[in-house]
Amino acid sequence: MPSPLFRTILATLLVAAPAAAFGQASQNSELAPRREPSVRSLAARERQRKCGAEWRALAPPEKAAQGPRWPQYYSKCVRRLKEQRA
């Protein structure tokens, strides 16, 4: 059975090591500049926002008619929005 001192040291190391690693990761991430989102990713985010707003506005019976779950509705909505744009 480990001594209380050994358990205390082990617990300290288990807590301090991830905290130190986290501190190092945050320093490295500050050095790397963030890339700007591409035009395609911005368009995809906008479509997701529009489809999400439409989905939340639908009543439950309308949701069942449009697509019973979000993934099915989202797929149809994205297709529709892309067709409107083209």
N, C-alpha and C. Protein backbone atom coordinates (compact mmCIF):
# COMPACT_ATOMS: atom_id res chain seq x y z
N MET A 1 0.86 -1.18 0.00
CA MET A 1 0.00 0.00 0.00
C MET A 1 0.90 1.24 0.00
N PRO A 2 0.66 2.17 -0.93
CA PRO A 2 1.50 3.37 -1.00
C PRO A 2 1.30 4.26 0.22
N SER A 3 2.36 4.94 0.54
CA SER A 3 2.31 5.84 1.70
C SER A 3 1.49 7.09 1.36
N PRO A 4 0.99 7.80 2.36
CA PRO A 4 0.23 9.02 2.11
C PRO A 4 1.04 10.08 1.38
N LEU A 5 2.34 10.15 1.66
CA LEU A 5 3.20 11.11 0.98
C LEU A 5 3.28 10.78 -0.52
N PHE A 6 3.45 9.51 -0.81
CA PHE A 6 3.51 9.08 -2.21
C PHE A 6 2.21 9.40 -2.94
N ARG A 7 1.07 9.16 -2.31
CA ARG A 7 -0.22 9.47 -2.92
C ARG A 7 -0.37 10.96 -3.15
N THR A 8 0.10 11.78 -2.22
CA THR A 8 0.02 13.23 -2.37
C THR A 8 0.87 13.70 -3.55
N ILE A 9 2.09 13.18 -3.64
CA ILE A 9 2.97 13.56 -4.75
C ILE A 9 2.37 13.11 -6.08
N LEU A 10 1.87 11.91 -6.13
CA LEU A 10 1.26 11.38 -7.35
C LEU A 10 0.05 12.22 -7.76
N ALA A 11 -0.79 12.57 -6.82
CA ALA A 11 -1.96 13.39 -7.12
C ALA A 11 -1.55 14.76 -7.63
N THR A 12 -0.50 15.34 -7.04
CA THR A 12 0.00 16.64 -7.48
C THR A 12 0.50 16.56 -8.92
N LEU A 13 1.24 15.52 -9.22
CA LEU A 13 1.76 15.35 -10.58
C LEU A 13 0.63 15.14 -11.59
N LEU A 14 -0.36 14.39 -11.22
CA LEU A 14 -1.48 14.13 -12.13
C LEU A 14 -2.27 15.40 -12.42
N VAL A 15 -2.33 16.30 -11.47
CA VAL A 15 -3.05 17.56 -11.67
C VAL A 15 -2.16 18.59 -12.37
N ALA A 16 -0.89 18.65 -11.99
CA ALA A 16 0.01 19.69 -12.51
C ALA A 16 0.43 19.42 -13.95
N ALA A 17 0.64 18.17 -14.35
CA ALA A 17 1.13 17.88 -15.69
C ALA A 17 0.14 18.33 -16.77
N PRO A 18 -1.15 17.98 -16.69
CA PRO A 18 -2.07 18.49 -17.72
C PRO A 18 -2.20 20.00 -17.69
N ALA A 19 -2.15 20.60 -16.51
CA ALA A 19 -2.24 22.06 -16.41
C ALA A 19 -1.04 22.71 -17.09
N ALA A 20 0.14 22.14 -16.92
CA ALA A 20 1.34 22.69 -17.56
C ALA A 20 1.25 22.50 -19.06
N ALA A 21 0.77 21.34 -19.51
CA ALA A 21 0.63 21.10 -20.94
C ALA A 21 -0.38 22.06 -21.54
N PHE A 22 -1.45 22.34 -20.82
CA PHE A 22 -2.46 23.28 -21.31
C PHE A 22 -1.87 24.68 -21.44
N GLY A 23 -1.06 25.08 -20.50
CA GLY A 23 -0.42 26.38 -20.56
C GLY A 23 0.51 26.50 -21.75
N GLN A 24 1.22 25.44 -22.07
CA GLN A 24 2.10 25.45 -23.23
C GLN A 24 1.30 25.49 -24.52
N ALA A 25 0.20 24.79 -24.57
CA ALA A 25 -0.62 24.77 -25.79
C ALA A 25 -1.20 26.15 -26.06
N SER A 26 -1.60 26.85 -25.01
CA SER A 26 -2.19 28.17 -25.23
C SER A 26 -1.14 29.16 -25.72
N GLN A 27 0.10 29.01 -25.28
CA GLN A 27 1.16 29.89 -25.76
C GLN A 27 1.43 29.64 -27.24
N ASN A 28 1.44 28.37 -27.65
CA ASN A 28 1.69 28.05 -29.05
C ASN A 28 0.55 28.50 -29.95
N SER A 29 -0.67 28.41 -29.47
CA SER A 29 -1.80 28.82 -30.29
C SER A 29 -1.85 30.33 -30.46
N GLU A 30 -1.30 31.07 -29.52
CA GLU A 30 -1.26 32.53 -29.66
C GLU A 30 -0.28 32.95 -30.75
N LEU A 31 0.74 32.15 -30.99
CA LEU A 31 1.74 32.48 -31.99
C LEU A 31 1.24 32.22 -33.40
N ALA A 32 0.41 31.24 -33.56
CA ALA A 32 -0.08 30.88 -34.90
C ALA A 32 -1.29 31.75 -35.25
N PRO A 33 -1.25 32.45 -36.38
CA PRO A 33 -2.40 33.28 -36.77
C PRO A 33 -3.56 32.40 -37.24
N ARG A 34 -4.75 32.85 -36.99
CA ARG A 34 -5.94 32.11 -37.43
C ARG A 34 -6.19 32.39 -38.90
N ARG A 35 -6.55 31.36 -39.63
CA ARG A 35 -6.86 31.55 -41.04
C ARG A 35 -8.27 32.10 -41.16
N GLU A 36 -8.45 32.94 -42.15
CA GLU A 36 -9.77 33.47 -42.44
C GLU A 36 -10.60 32.38 -43.09
N PRO A 37 -11.90 32.30 -42.79
CA PRO A 37 -12.73 31.27 -43.42
C PRO A 37 -12.85 31.55 -44.92
N SER A 38 -12.94 30.47 -45.69
CA SER A 38 -13.05 30.60 -47.13
C SER A 38 -14.46 31.04 -47.51
N VAL A 39 -14.61 31.43 -48.75
CA VAL A 39 -15.92 31.86 -49.25
C VAL A 39 -16.90 30.69 -49.18
N ARG A 40 -16.43 29.49 -49.51
CA ARG A 40 -17.30 28.31 -49.46
C ARG A 40 -17.77 28.01 -48.04
N SER A 41 -16.86 28.12 -47.07
CA SER A 41 -17.27 27.82 -45.70
C SER A 41 -18.21 28.89 -45.16
N LEU A 42 -17.99 30.15 -45.55
CA LEU A 42 -18.92 31.20 -45.13
C LEU A 42 -20.31 30.97 -45.72
N ALA A 43 -20.36 30.54 -46.98
CA ALA A 43 -21.65 30.26 -47.62
C ALA A 43 -22.34 29.08 -46.94
N ALA A 44 -21.56 28.06 -46.59
CA ALA A 44 -22.14 26.89 -45.91
C ALA A 44 -22.69 27.28 -44.54
N ARG A 45 -21.98 28.13 -43.82
CA ARG A 45 -22.47 28.58 -42.51
C ARG A 45 -23.77 29.38 -42.66
N GLU A 46 -23.81 30.23 -43.67
CA GLU A 46 -25.02 31.03 -43.90
C GLU A 46 -26.21 30.13 -44.24
N ARG A 47 -25.98 29.11 -45.09
CA ARG A 47 -27.07 28.17 -45.40
C ARG A 47 -27.53 27.44 -44.16
N GLN A 48 -26.59 27.03 -43.30
CA GLN A 48 -26.96 26.32 -42.08
C GLN A 48 -27.78 27.23 -41.17
N ARG A 49 -27.41 28.49 -41.07
CA ARG A 49 -28.19 29.42 -40.23
C ARG A 49 -29.61 29.60 -40.78
N LYS A 50 -29.73 29.76 -42.11
CA LYS A 50 -31.04 29.95 -42.71
C LYS A 50 -31.91 28.71 -42.52
N CYS A 51 -31.33 27.55 -42.78
CA CYS A 51 -32.10 26.31 -42.63
C CYS A 51 -32.48 26.07 -41.17
N GLY A 52 -31.58 26.40 -40.26
CA GLY A 52 -31.88 26.24 -38.83
C GLY A 52 -33.01 27.14 -38.39
N ALA A 53 -33.00 28.38 -38.88
CA ALA A 53 -34.08 29.31 -38.53
C ALA A 53 -35.42 28.81 -39.08
N GLU A 54 -35.40 28.30 -40.32
CA GLU A 54 -36.63 27.75 -40.90
C GLU A 54 -37.12 26.55 -40.10
N TRP A 55 -36.19 25.66 -39.71
CA TRP A 55 -36.55 24.45 -38.95
C TRP A 55 -37.18 24.81 -37.61
N ARG A 56 -36.60 25.79 -36.92
CA ARG A 56 -37.14 26.18 -35.62
C ARG A 56 -38.50 26.85 -35.76
N ALA A 57 -38.78 27.47 -36.91
CA ALA A 57 -40.06 28.15 -37.10
C ALA A 57 -41.19 27.17 -37.45
N LEU A 58 -40.84 25.95 -37.88
CA LEU A 58 -41.88 24.98 -38.25
C LEU A 58 -42.56 24.39 -37.01
N ALA A 59 -43.84 24.16 -37.14
CA ALA A 59 -44.60 23.46 -36.09
C ALA A 59 -44.31 21.96 -36.22
N PRO A 60 -44.52 21.19 -35.16
CA PRO A 60 -44.23 19.75 -35.21
C PRO A 60 -44.90 19.01 -36.38
N PRO A 61 -46.17 19.29 -36.71
CA PRO A 61 -46.75 18.58 -37.86
C PRO A 61 -46.05 18.96 -39.18
N GLU A 62 -45.66 20.23 -39.29
CA GLU A 62 -44.95 20.66 -40.50
C GLU A 62 -43.57 20.01 -40.58
N LYS A 63 -42.92 19.84 -39.44
CA LYS A 63 -41.62 19.18 -39.43
C LYS A 63 -41.75 17.74 -39.91
N ALA A 64 -42.80 17.07 -39.49
CA ALA A 64 -43.01 15.68 -39.90
C ALA A 64 -43.24 15.59 -41.41
N ALA A 65 -43.90 16.58 -41.99
CA ALA A 65 -44.16 16.57 -43.42
C ALA A 65 -42.90 16.92 -44.22
N GLN A 66 -42.08 17.84 -43.71
CA GLN A 66 -40.90 18.30 -44.43
C GLN A 66 -39.76 17.28 -44.36
N GLY A 67 -39.62 16.64 -43.29
CA GLY A 67 -38.54 15.69 -43.03
C GLY A 67 -38.60 15.45 -41.54
N PRO A 68 -38.75 14.22 -41.12
CA PRO A 68 -39.02 13.98 -39.71
C PRO A 68 -37.89 14.41 -38.77
N ARG A 69 -36.69 14.48 -39.28
CA ARG A 69 -35.56 14.83 -38.42
C ARG A 69 -34.72 15.92 -39.09
N TRP A 70 -33.91 16.60 -38.28
CA TRP A 70 -33.10 17.71 -38.76
C TRP A 70 -32.18 17.32 -39.93
N PRO A 71 -31.46 16.21 -39.88
CA PRO A 71 -30.55 15.92 -41.00
C PRO A 71 -31.27 15.81 -42.35
N GLN A 72 -32.44 15.19 -42.37
CA GLN A 72 -33.19 15.07 -43.61
C GLN A 72 -33.67 16.44 -44.08
N TYR A 73 -34.18 17.22 -43.15
CA TYR A 73 -34.65 18.56 -43.51
C TYR A 73 -33.49 19.42 -44.00
N TYR A 74 -32.37 19.35 -43.31
CA TYR A 74 -31.21 20.17 -43.67
C TYR A 74 -30.72 19.82 -45.07
N SER A 75 -30.67 18.55 -45.38
CA SER A 75 -30.23 18.12 -46.71
C SER A 75 -31.12 18.71 -47.80
N LYS A 76 -32.44 18.63 -47.59
CA LYS A 76 -33.38 19.18 -48.58
C LYS A 76 -33.27 20.70 -48.65
N CYS A 77 -33.10 21.33 -47.52
CA CYS A 77 -33.02 22.79 -47.46
C CYS A 77 -31.77 23.29 -48.17
N VAL A 78 -30.64 22.64 -47.97
CA VAL A 78 -29.40 23.05 -48.62
C VAL A 78 -29.53 22.90 -50.13
N ARG A 79 -30.10 21.78 -50.57
CA ARG A 79 -30.32 21.59 -52.01
C ARG A 79 -31.19 22.71 -52.57
N ARG A 80 -32.25 23.05 -51.86
CA ARG A 80 -33.16 24.09 -52.30
C ARG A 80 -32.45 25.45 -52.38
N LEU A 81 -31.68 25.79 -51.36
CA LEU A 81 -30.97 27.07 -51.33
C LEU A 81 -29.90 27.14 -52.43
N LYS A 82 -29.22 26.04 -52.70
CA LYS A 82 -28.23 26.04 -53.76
C LYS A 82 -28.89 26.20 -55.13
N GLU A 83 -30.05 25.58 -55.32
CA GLU A 83 -30.78 25.72 -56.58
C GLU A 83 -31.26 27.15 -56.77
N GLN A 84 -31.71 27.79 -55.70
CA GLN A 84 -32.17 29.17 -55.80
C GLN A 84 -31.03 30.09 -56.19
N ARG A 85 -29.85 29.82 -55.70
CA ARG A 85 -28.69 30.66 -55.98
C ARG A 85 -28.20 30.49 -57.41
N ALA A 86 -28.32 29.28 -57.93
CA ALA A 86 -27.80 29.01 -59.29
C ALA A 86 -28.67 29.58 -60.38
